[in-house]
Amino acid sequence: MSFSRAAAWLAVAGLAVMLAACGSVPRPFSPADKGGGVPPPGPSTALIVHPAVGADRAALDMLTDMVVEELRTREVAAIRYEVPNRYRLVGQASAGPPQDGTATMTLQWQLLTPDGAPVETVAYRQDVDWASYRQADPFVIRQMARAAIGEIGAMLGFDAPAQARESGPKLILSGARGAPGDGNAALESAMTHELGRFDVTVDDGRGGARLPVLRALVEVRPMDEANELVTITWLLHDAEGKERGRLQQQNRVAKGRLDRRWGVVAKLAAAAAAPEIADLLRRFSP
């Protein structure tokens, strides 16, 4: 299950829309070979990312590929083919029994020297929509890859992008309304987290500052005997109260799926909407 970003912004004014240390960590990974050939010998010239092992091979193969892509965007010469005398990154994943369609996965990434000695290990948990994960949904796997990079970064000598950039704009998140179960609180929490990845600070408004306001309206209605249609509309107003844009998301879910716990569904919806919200906010914020 994934909420797409394909909803349209209707905007005014021309707007279209645990870390376990095992010793000191070498941090010299650099893209010494960007031409596609075999890098020269030396452990500092490339990082071999081994296929992650564990639950569902297809999903983990995609996760490995996306981790390689994310590492390369951060100037780490990550590769999947074998080259002698290179450091290695090995991933493992396991999943607990799904509850209400959501499974808690335990992921571990271990950095090894070229001769296989462990250097450092990072482990963490992540909730995923189990059906989407088993189907290797690219959006879900991309979110997993980005979470992995956030955890791996300290081992390789870089921080996640949001930690490296200066603070960005602020807004007030006035909450969500209309969602069944814990949906209102879950959406607000998930959006606060996702906006932080784009350097947008959610202010509680207690200081009296005049800030843009974001809120969400949720509607769940029957589609057929087995399914419901979820519609989430995010409304963004500037500090003067003028609507600057709205983003509508829709997705089909099994009947009753969201009656109690939204879990990863809220996270997927917020992750899909946050980039557009952050972009629009920067267009009109001072």
C-alpha atoms as a PDB file:
ATOM      1  CA  MET A   1       0.000   0.000   0.000  1.00  0.00           C
ATOM      2  CA  SER A   2       1.380   3.379  -0.873  1.00  0.00           C
ATOM      3  CA  PHE A   3      -0.003   6.868  -1.194  1.00  0.00           C
ATOM      4  CA  SER A   4       1.277   8.369  -4.424  1.00  0.00           C
ATOM      5  CA  ARG A   5       2.489  11.906  -4.994  1.00  0.00           C
ATOM      6  CA  ALA A   6       0.364  12.235  -8.099  1.00  0.00           C
ATOM      7  CA  ALA A   7      -2.245  14.489  -6.480  1.00  0.00           C
ATOM      8  CA  ALA A   8      -2.405  18.050  -7.740  1.00  0.00           C
ATOM      9  CA  TRP A   9      -1.614  21.246  -5.904  1.00  0.00           C
ATOM     10  CA  LEU A  10      -4.257  23.909  -6.436  1.00  0.00           C
ATOM     11  CA  ALA A  11      -2.286  27.045  -5.600  1.00  0.00           C
ATOM     12  CA  VAL A  12      -2.711  30.771  -6.143  1.00  0.00           C
ATOM     13  CA  ALA A  13      -0.406  33.483  -7.417  1.00  0.00           C
ATOM     14  CA  GLY A  14       0.892  31.423 -10.288  1.00  0.00           C
ATOM     15  CA  LEU A  15       2.133  28.540  -8.160  1.00  0.00           C
ATOM     16  CA  ALA A  16       1.791  25.224  -9.948  1.00  0.00           C
ATOM     17  CA  VAL A  17       0.999  23.747  -7.812  1.00  0.00           C
ATOM     18  CA  MET A  18      21.520   1.012  18.131  1.00  0.00           C
ATOM     19  CA  LEU A  19      24.858   1.924  17.346  1.00  0.00           C
ATOM     20  CA  ALA A  20      27.438  -0.661  18.577  1.00  0.00           C
ATOM     21  CA  ALA A  21      31.035   0.501  18.219  1.00  0.00           C
ATOM     22  CA  CYS A  22      33.673  -2.119  17.460  1.00  0.00           C
ATOM     23  CA  GLY A  23      36.645   0.174  17.035  1.00  0.00           C
ATOM     24  CA  SER A  24      37.712   3.300  15.227  1.00  0.00           C
ATOM     25  CA  VAL A  25      36.098   3.625  11.827  1.00  0.00           C
ATOM     26  CA  PRO A  26      37.987   4.483   8.649  1.00  0.00           C
ATOM     27  CA  ARG A  27      36.064   7.198   6.787  1.00  0.00           C
ATOM     28  CA  PRO A  28      37.906   7.712   3.522  1.00  0.00           C
ATOM     29  CA  PHE A  29      35.286   6.368   1.123  1.00  0.00           C
ATOM     30  CA  SER A  30      35.307   8.547  -1.956  1.00  0.00           C
ATOM     31  CA  PRO A  31      34.127   8.047  -5.525  1.00  0.00           C
ATOM     32  CA  ALA A  32      37.567   7.493  -6.986  1.00  0.00           C
ATOM     33  CA  ASP A  33      36.131   5.832 -10.065  1.00  0.00           C
ATOM     34  CA  LYS A  34      33.111   7.452 -11.665  1.00  0.00           C
ATOM     35  CA  GLY A  35      33.819   6.206 -15.147  1.00  0.00           C
ATOM     36  CA  GLY A  36      32.342   2.754 -14.762  1.00  0.00           C
ATOM     37  CA  GLY A  37      35.649   0.851 -14.757  1.00  0.00           C
ATOM     38  CA  VAL A  38      37.151  -1.233 -11.973  1.00  0.00           C
ATOM     39  CA  PRO A  39      38.496   1.035  -9.212  1.00  0.00           C
ATOM     40  CA  PRO A  40      42.224   0.885  -8.485  1.00  0.00           C
ATOM     41  CA  PRO A  41      43.373  -1.240  -5.520  1.00  0.00           C
ATOM     42  CA  GLY A  42      42.998   0.202  -2.041  1.00  0.00           C
ATOM     43  CA  PRO A  43      40.250  -0.042   0.570  1.00  0.00           C
ATOM     44  CA  SER A  44      39.479   3.661   0.402  1.00  0.00           C
ATOM     45  CA  THR A  45      38.314   3.700  -3.197  1.00  0.00           C
ATOM     46  CA  ALA A  46      35.027   1.787  -3.021  1.00  0.00           C
ATOM     47  CA  LEU A  47      32.534   0.139  -0.704  1.00  0.00           C
ATOM     48  CA  ILE A  48      31.056  -3.230  -1.678  1.00  0.00           C
ATOM     49  CA  VAL A  49      27.420  -3.529  -0.602  1.00  0.00           C
ATOM     50  CA  HIS A  50      26.477  -7.178  -0.271  1.00  0.00           C
ATOM     51  CA  PRO A  51      22.885  -8.263  -0.950  1.00  0.00           C
ATOM     52  CA  ALA A  52      20.854  -7.939   2.238  1.00  0.00           C
ATOM     53  CA  VAL A  53      19.614 -11.292   3.524  1.00  0.00           C
ATOM     54  CA  GLY A  54      16.425 -12.217   5.371  1.00  0.00           C
ATOM     55  CA  ALA A  55      12.708 -11.904   4.745  1.00  0.00           C
ATOM     56  CA  ASP A  56      11.621 -11.780   1.070  1.00  0.00           C
ATOM     57  CA  ARG A  57      14.501 -11.854  -1.389  1.00  0.00           C
ATOM     58  CA  ALA A  58      12.936  -9.615  -4.028  1.00  0.00           C
ATOM     59  CA  ALA A  59      12.283  -6.799  -1.549  1.00  0.00           C
ATOM     60  CA  LEU A  60      15.781  -7.067  -0.072  1.00  0.00           C
ATOM     61  CA  ASP A  61      17.418  -7.096  -3.499  1.00  0.00           C
ATOM     62  CA  MET A  62      15.599  -3.867  -4.288  1.00  0.00           C
ATOM     63  CA  LEU A  63      16.578  -2.458  -0.892  1.00  0.00           C
ATOM     64  CA  THR A  64      20.241  -3.236  -1.572  1.00  0.00           C
ATOM     65  CA  ASP A  65      20.083  -1.509  -4.961  1.00  0.00           C
ATOM     66  CA  MET A  66      18.455   1.569  -3.447  1.00  0.00           C
ATOM     67  CA  VAL A  67      20.968   1.731  -0.587  1.00  0.00           C
ATOM     68  CA  VAL A  68      23.720   1.736  -3.224  1.00  0.00           C
ATOM     69  CA  GLU A  69      21.946   4.579  -5.055  1.00  0.00           C
ATOM     70  CA  GLU A  70      21.517   6.595  -1.858  1.00  0.00           C
ATOM     71  CA  LEU A  71      25.176   6.103  -0.915  1.00  0.00           C
ATOM     72  CA  ARG A  72      26.305   7.313  -4.331  1.00  0.00           C
ATOM     73  CA  THR A  73      24.298  10.521  -3.968  1.00  0.00           C
ATOM     74  CA  ARG A  74      26.356  11.150  -0.830  1.00  0.00           C
ATOM     75  CA  GLU A  75      29.678  10.731  -2.655  1.00  0.00           C
ATOM     76  CA  VAL A  76      30.303   7.177  -1.457  1.00  0.00           C
ATOM     77  CA  ALA A  77      31.564   4.934  -4.261  1.00  0.00           C
ATOM     78  CA  ALA A  78      29.189   2.076  -3.501  1.00  0.00           C
ATOM     79  CA  ILE A  79      29.243  -0.980  -5.762  1.00  0.00           C
ATOM     80  CA  ARG A  80      27.613  -4.425  -5.784  1.00  0.00           C
ATOM     81  CA  TYR A  81      30.249  -6.327  -7.769  1.00  0.00           C
ATOM     82  CA  GLU A  82      33.267  -8.015  -6.208  1.00  0.00           C
ATOM     83  CA  VAL A  83      36.579  -6.141  -6.202  1.00  0.00           C
ATOM     84  CA  PRO A  84      39.587  -7.230  -4.111  1.00  0.00           C
ATOM     85  CA  ASN A  85      40.744  -5.243  -1.092  1.00  0.00           C
ATOM     86  CA  ARG A  86      37.598  -3.223  -0.424  1.00  0.00           C
ATOM     87  CA  TYR A  87      35.536  -2.525   2.666  1.00  0.00           C
ATOM     88  CA  ARG A  88      32.144  -4.237   2.752  1.00  0.00           C
ATOM     89  CA  LEU A  89      28.655  -3.452   4.003  1.00  0.00           C
ATOM     90  CA  VAL A  90      26.441  -6.425   4.872  1.00  0.00           C
ATOM     91  CA  GLY A  91      22.732  -6.149   5.671  1.00  0.00           C
ATOM     92  CA  GLN A  92      20.314  -8.475   7.434  1.00  0.00           C
ATOM     93  CA  ALA A  93      16.558  -8.164   7.956  1.00  0.00           C
ATOM     94  CA  SER A  94      13.942 -10.036   9.940  1.00  0.00           C
ATOM     95  CA  ALA A  95      10.265  -9.355  10.524  1.00  0.00           C
ATOM     96  CA  GLY A  96       7.943  -9.903  13.441  1.00  0.00           C
ATOM     97  CA  PRO A  97       4.411 -11.230  12.936  1.00  0.00           C
ATOM     98  CA  PRO A  98       2.215  -8.642  11.178  1.00  0.00           C
ATOM     99  CA  GLN A  99      -0.491  -6.931  13.207  1.00  0.00           C
ATOM    100  CA  ASP A 100      -3.274  -5.037  11.460  1.00  0.00           C
ATOM    101  CA  GLY A 101      -1.250  -5.276   8.250  1.00  0.00           C
ATOM    102  CA  THR A 102       1.902  -3.741   9.765  1.00  0.00           C
ATOM    103  CA  ALA A 103       5.091  -5.655  10.565  1.00  0.00           C
ATOM    104  CA  THR A 104       8.000  -4.437  12.669  1.00  0.00           C
ATOM    105  CA  MET A 105      11.256  -5.260  10.919  1.00  0.00           C
ATOM    106  CA  THR A 106      14.660  -5.457  12.581  1.00  0.00           C
ATOM    107  CA  LEU A 107      17.440  -4.383  10.229  1.00  0.00           C
ATOM    108  CA  GLN A 108      21.185  -4.580  10.764  1.00  0.00           C
ATOM    109  CA  TRP A 109      24.059  -3.231   8.693  1.00  0.00           C
ATOM    110  CA  GLN A 110      27.629  -4.264   9.446  1.00  0.00           C
ATOM    111  CA  LEU A 111      30.792  -2.648   8.116  1.00  0.00           C
ATOM    112  CA  LEU A 112      33.636  -5.116   7.495  1.00  0.00           C
ATOM    113  CA  THR A 113      37.293  -4.654   6.614  1.00  0.00           C
ATOM    114  CA  PRO A 114      38.526  -6.178   3.331  1.00  0.00           C
ATOM    115  CA  ASP A 115      39.571  -9.332   5.206  1.00  0.00           C
ATOM    116  CA  GLY A 116      36.137  -9.676   6.828  1.00  0.00           C
ATOM    117  CA  ALA A 117      36.863  -8.305  10.316  1.00  0.00           C
ATOM    118  CA  PRO A 118      33.909  -6.376  11.816  1.00  0.00           C
ATOM    119  CA  VAL A 119      34.409  -2.634  12.208  1.00  0.00           C
ATOM    120  CA  GLU A 120      31.035  -1.350  13.327  1.00  0.00           C
ATOM    121  CA  THR A 121      27.396  -2.439  13.385  1.00  0.00           C
ATOM    122  CA  VAL A 122      24.158  -0.487  13.434  1.00  0.00           C
ATOM    123  CA  ALA A 123      20.752  -2.031  14.166  1.00  0.00           C
ATOM    124  CA  TYR A 124      17.294  -0.489  14.269  1.00  0.00           C
ATOM    125  CA  ARG A 125      13.596  -1.275  13.862  1.00  0.00           C
ATOM    126  CA  GLN A 126      11.181  -0.017  11.262  1.00  0.00           C
ATOM    127  CA  ASP A 127       7.455  -0.520  10.770  1.00  0.00           C
ATOM    128  CA  VAL A 128       6.399  -1.446   7.245  1.00  0.00           C
ATOM    129  CA  ASP A 129       3.155  -2.233   5.489  1.00  0.00           C
ATOM    130  CA  TRP A 130       3.684  -5.977   5.140  1.00  0.00           C
ATOM    131  CA  ALA A 131       1.753  -6.528   1.923  1.00  0.00           C
ATOM    132  CA  SER A 132       3.554  -3.645   0.200  1.00  0.00           C
ATOM    133  CA  TYR A 133       6.929  -4.863   1.409  1.00  0.00           C
ATOM    134  CA  ARG A 134       6.353  -8.413   0.186  1.00  0.00           C
ATOM    135  CA  GLN A 135       5.322  -7.023  -3.186  1.00  0.00           C
ATOM    136  CA  ALA A 136       8.547  -4.984  -3.265  1.00  0.00           C
ATOM    137  CA  ASP A 137       6.628  -1.727  -3.610  1.00  0.00           C
ATOM    138  CA  PRO A 138       9.296   0.761  -4.798  1.00  0.00           C
ATOM    139  CA  PHE A 139       7.947   3.621  -2.691  1.00  0.00           C
ATOM    140  CA  VAL A 140       8.026   1.554   0.514  1.00  0.00           C
ATOM    141  CA  ILE A 141      11.493   0.170  -0.256  1.00  0.00           C
ATOM    142  CA  ARG A 142      12.803   3.670  -1.032  1.00  0.00           C
ATOM    143  CA  GLN A 143      11.627   4.849   2.385  1.00  0.00           C
ATOM    144  CA  MET A 144      13.457   1.892   3.927  1.00  0.00           C
ATOM    145  CA  ALA A 145      16.625   2.754   2.013  1.00  0.00           C
ATOM    146  CA  ARG A 146      16.535   6.348   3.196  1.00  0.00           C
ATOM    147  CA  ALA A 147      16.022   5.195   6.777  1.00  0.00           C
ATOM    148  CA  ALA A 148      18.999   2.877   6.356  1.00  0.00           C
ATOM    149  CA  ILE A 149      21.188   5.718   5.123  1.00  0.00           C
ATOM    150  CA  GLY A 150      20.215   7.764   8.138  1.00  0.00           C
ATOM    151  CA  GLU A 151      21.469   4.943  10.367  1.00  0.00           C
ATOM    152  CA  ILE A 152      24.545   4.055   8.303  1.00  0.00           C
ATOM    153  CA  GLY A 153      25.760   7.630   7.894  1.00  0.00           C
ATOM    154  CA  ALA A 154      27.752   7.874  11.110  1.00  0.00           C
ATOM    155  CA  MET A 155      29.703   4.726  10.241  1.00  0.00           C
ATOM    156  CA  LEU A 156      30.809   6.109   6.907  1.00  0.00           C
ATOM    157  CA  GLY A 157      31.567   9.646   8.010  1.00  0.00           C
ATOM    158  CA  PHE A 158      28.551  11.587   6.773  1.00  0.00           C
ATOM    159  CA  ASP A 159      25.276  12.716   8.273  1.00  0.00           C
ATOM    160  CA  ALA A 160      21.805  12.423   6.847  1.00  0.00           C
ATOM    161  CA  PRO A 161      21.091  15.442   4.604  1.00  0.00           C
ATOM    162  CA  ALA A 162      18.586  16.986   6.989  1.00  0.00           C
ATOM    163  CA  GLN A 163      21.237  17.099   9.710  1.00  0.00           C
ATOM    164  CA  ALA A 164      23.727  18.848   7.502  1.00  0.00           C
ATOM    165  CA  ARG A 165      21.563  21.678   6.247  1.00  0.00           C
ATOM    166  CA  GLU A 166      20.624  24.846   8.045  1.00  0.00           C
ATOM    167  CA  SER A 167      17.215  25.251   9.581  1.00  0.00           C
ATOM    168  CA  GLY A 168      14.463  25.966   7.076  1.00  0.00           C
ATOM    169  CA  PRO A 169      10.986  27.506   7.276  1.00  0.00           C
ATOM    170  CA  LYS A 170       8.452  26.984  10.042  1.00  0.00           C
ATOM    171  CA  LEU A 171       4.753  26.251  10.103  1.00  0.00           C
ATOM    172  CA  ILE A 172       2.009  25.366  12.553  1.00  0.00           C
ATOM    173  CA  LEU A 173       0.441  21.931  12.136  1.00  0.00           C
ATOM    174  CA  SER A 174      -3.116  22.337  13.364  1.00  0.00           C
ATOM    175  CA  GLY A 175      -3.767  18.612  13.206  1.00  0.00           C
ATOM    176  CA  ALA A 176      -5.950  16.237  11.245  1.00  0.00           C
ATOM    177  CA  ARG A 177      -9.694  15.790  11.456  1.00  0.00           C
ATOM    178  CA  GLY A 178     -12.124  13.099  10.385  1.00  0.00           C
ATOM    179  CA  ALA A 179      -9.898  10.020  10.567  1.00  0.00           C
ATOM    180  CA  PRO A 180     -11.117   6.873  12.310  1.00  0.00           C
ATOM    181  CA  GLY A 181      -9.069   5.099  14.969  1.00  0.00           C
ATOM    182  CA  ASP A 182      -5.829   6.834  15.893  1.00  0.00           C
ATOM    183  CA  GLY A 183      -5.539   8.351  12.413  1.00  0.00           C
ATOM    184  CA  ASN A 184      -5.683  12.027  13.382  1.00  0.00           C
ATOM    185  CA  ALA A 185      -2.821  11.758  15.883  1.00  0.00           C
ATOM    186  CA  ALA A 186      -0.873   9.334  13.676  1.00  0.00           C
ATOM    187  CA  LEU A 187      -1.010  11.630  10.645  1.00  0.00           C
ATOM    188  CA  GLU A 188       0.058  14.649  12.677  1.00  0.00           C
ATOM    189  CA  SER A 189       2.998  12.780  14.201  1.00  0.00           C
ATOM    190  CA  ALA A 190       4.066  11.297  10.868  1.00  0.00           C
ATOM    191  CA  MET A 191       3.883  14.633   9.049  1.00  0.00           C
ATOM    192  CA  THR A 192       5.915  16.359  11.771  1.00  0.00           C
ATOM    193  CA  HIS A 193       8.625  13.747  11.299  1.00  0.00           C
ATOM    194  CA  GLU A 194       8.593  13.832   7.501  1.00  0.00           C
ATOM    195  CA  LEU A 195       8.680  17.631   7.277  1.00  0.00           C
ATOM    196  CA  GLY A 196      11.755  17.545   9.495  1.00  0.00           C
ATOM    197  CA  ARG A 197      13.539  15.594   6.776  1.00  0.00           C
ATOM    198  CA  PHE A 198      13.081  18.663   4.560  1.00  0.00           C
ATOM    199  CA  ASP A 199      14.224  21.113   7.254  1.00  0.00           C
ATOM    200  CA  VAL A 200      10.706  22.343   7.957  1.00  0.00           C
ATOM    201  CA  THR A 201      10.131  22.977  11.659  1.00  0.00           C
ATOM    202  CA  VAL A 202       6.678  22.373  13.118  1.00  0.00           C
ATOM    203  CA  ASP A 203       5.953  25.090  15.687  1.00  0.00           C
ATOM    204  CA  ASP A 204       3.364  24.681  18.424  1.00  0.00           C
ATOM    205  CA  GLY A 205       2.186  28.272  17.961  1.00  0.00           C
ATOM    206  CA  ARG A 206       2.428  29.109  21.649  1.00  0.00           C
ATOM    207  CA  GLY A 207       4.950  31.883  21.065  1.00  0.00           C
ATOM    208  CA  GLY A 208       2.437  33.943  19.134  1.00  0.00           C
ATOM    209  CA  ALA A 209       4.477  34.035  15.942  1.00  0.00           C
ATOM    210  CA  ARG A 210       2.528  34.499  12.708  1.00  0.00           C
ATOM    211  CA  LEU A 211       3.285  31.393  10.694  1.00  0.00           C
ATOM    212  CA  PRO A 212       1.769  29.365   7.860  1.00  0.00           C
ATOM    213  CA  VAL A 213      -0.724  26.730   8.986  1.00  0.00           C
ATOM    214  CA  LEU A 214      -1.105  23.168   7.679  1.00  0.00           C
ATOM    215  CA  ARG A 215      -4.071  20.940   8.460  1.00  0.00           C
ATOM    216  CA  ALA A 216      -5.502  17.697   7.121  1.00  0.00           C
ATOM    217  CA  LEU A 217      -9.064  16.617   6.426  1.00  0.00           C
ATOM    218  CA  VAL A 218      -9.710  12.876   6.231  1.00  0.00           C
ATOM    219  CA  GLU A 219     -12.653  11.031   4.758  1.00  0.00           C
ATOM    220  CA  VAL A 220     -13.139   7.258   4.684  1.00  0.00           C
ATOM    221  CA  ARG A 221     -16.104   5.965   2.707  1.00  0.00           C
ATOM    222  CA  PRO A 222     -17.189   2.553   1.388  1.00  0.00           C
ATOM    223  CA  MET A 223     -16.165   1.501  -2.111  1.00  0.00           C
ATOM    224  CA  ASP A 224     -17.596  -2.007  -2.170  1.00  0.00           C
ATOM    225  CA  GLU A 225     -18.208  -4.870   0.258  1.00  0.00           C
ATOM    226  CA  ALA A 226     -14.485  -5.421   0.875  1.00  0.00           C
ATOM    227  CA  ASN A 227     -12.849  -2.025   0.437  1.00  0.00           C
ATOM    228  CA  GLU A 228     -12.953   1.598   1.534  1.00  0.00           C
ATOM    229  CA  LEU A 229     -11.636   4.739  -0.143  1.00  0.00           C
ATOM    230  CA  VAL A 230      -9.425   6.948   2.015  1.00  0.00           C
ATOM    231  CA  THR A 231      -9.117  10.595   0.997  1.00  0.00           C
ATOM    232  CA  ILE A 232      -6.663  12.894   2.770  1.00  0.00           C
ATOM    233  CA  THR A 233      -6.661  16.574   1.886  1.00  0.00           C
ATOM    234  CA  TRP A 234      -3.758  18.695   3.155  1.00  0.00           C
ATOM    235  CA  LEU A 235      -4.552  22.428   3.274  1.00  0.00           C
ATOM    236  CA  LEU A 236      -1.767  25.000   3.532  1.00  0.00           C
ATOM    237  CA  HIS A 237      -2.535  28.624   4.490  1.00  0.00           C
ATOM    238  CA  ASP A 238      -0.067  31.474   4.802  1.00  0.00           C
ATOM    239  CA  ALA A 239       0.355  33.594   7.925  1.00  0.00           C
ATOM    240  CA  GLU A 240      -2.457  35.879   6.769  1.00  0.00           C
ATOM    241  CA  GLY A 241      -4.915  33.016   6.508  1.00  0.00           C
ATOM    242  CA  LYS A 242      -4.904  32.863   2.711  1.00  0.00           C
ATOM    243  CA  GLU A 243      -5.023  29.381   1.217  1.00  0.00           C
ATOM    244  CA  ARG A 244      -1.842  28.756  -0.749  1.00  0.00           C
ATOM    245  CA  GLY A 245      -2.381  25.190  -1.797  1.00  0.00           C
ATOM    246  CA  ARG A 246      -4.066  21.877  -1.226  1.00  0.00           C
ATOM    247  CA  LEU A 247      -2.887  18.350  -1.829  1.00  0.00           C
ATOM    248  CA  GLN A 248      -5.332  15.487  -2.085  1.00  0.00           C
ATOM    249  CA  GLN A 249      -4.347  11.845  -1.664  1.00  0.00           C
ATOM    250  CA  GLN A 250      -6.556   8.827  -2.254  1.00  0.00           C
ATOM    251  CA  ASN A 251      -6.037   5.136  -1.732  1.00  0.00           C
ATOM    252  CA  ARG A 252      -8.115   1.986  -1.430  1.00  0.00           C
ATOM    253  CA  VAL A 253      -7.791  -0.024   1.797  1.00  0.00           C
ATOM    254  CA  ALA A 254      -9.446  -3.169   3.115  1.00  0.00           C
ATOM    255  CA  LYS A 255     -12.661  -2.494   4.979  1.00  0.00           C
ATOM    256  CA  GLY A 256     -11.983  -1.818   8.656  1.00  0.00           C
ATOM    257  CA  ARG A 257      -8.198  -1.653   8.123  1.00  0.00           C
ATOM    258  CA  LEU A 258      -7.991   1.795   9.721  1.00  0.00           C
ATOM    259  CA  ASP A 259     -10.660   1.483  12.380  1.00  0.00           C
ATOM    260  CA  ARG A 260      -8.092   1.211  15.185  1.00  0.00           C
ATOM    261  CA  ARG A 261      -4.420   1.697  14.301  1.00  0.00           C
ATOM    262  CA  TRP A 262      -3.124   3.516  11.233  1.00  0.00           C
ATOM    263  CA  GLY A 263       0.522   2.633  11.799  1.00  0.00           C
ATOM    264  CA  VAL A 264       2.561   2.615   8.629  1.00  0.00           C
ATOM    265  CA  VAL A 265      -0.343   3.928   6.528  1.00  0.00           C
ATOM    266  CA  ALA A 266      -0.002   7.332   8.184  1.00  0.00           C
ATOM    267  CA  LYS A 267       3.745   7.261   7.603  1.00  0.00           C
ATOM    268  CA  LEU A 268       3.347   6.437   3.920  1.00  0.00           C
ATOM    269  CA  ALA A 269       0.787   9.183   3.396  1.00  0.00           C
ATOM    270  CA  ALA A 270       2.948  11.783   5.155  1.00  0.00           C
ATOM    271  CA  ALA A 271       6.076  10.679   3.307  1.00  0.00           C
ATOM    272  CA  ALA A 272       4.318  11.095  -0.036  1.00  0.00           C
ATOM    273  CA  ALA A 273       2.915  14.543   0.754  1.00  0.00           C
ATOM    274  CA  ALA A 274       5.789  16.153   2.688  1.00  0.00           C
ATOM    275  CA  PRO A 275       8.079  16.977  -0.296  1.00  0.00           C
ATOM    276  CA  GLU A 276       5.366  18.956  -2.077  1.00  0.00           C
ATOM    277  CA  ILE A 277       4.304  20.720   1.114  1.00  0.00           C
ATOM    278  CA  ALA A 278       7.890  21.713   1.879  1.00  0.00           C
ATOM    279  CA  ASP A 279       8.418  22.930  -1.681  1.00  0.00           C
ATOM    280  CA  LEU A 280       5.274  25.059  -1.712  1.00  0.00           C
ATOM    281  CA  LEU A 281       6.063  26.460   1.735  1.00  0.00           C
ATOM    282  CA  ARG A 282       9.464  27.675   0.534  1.00  0.00           C
ATOM    283  CA  ARG A 283       7.859  29.427  -2.424  1.00  0.00           C
ATOM    284  CA  PHE A 284       5.929  31.907  -0.333  1.00  0.00           C
ATOM    285  CA  SER A 285       7.743  31.911   3.035  1.00  0.00           C
ATOM    286  CA  PRO A 286      10.218  34.756   3.630  1.00  0.00           C
END
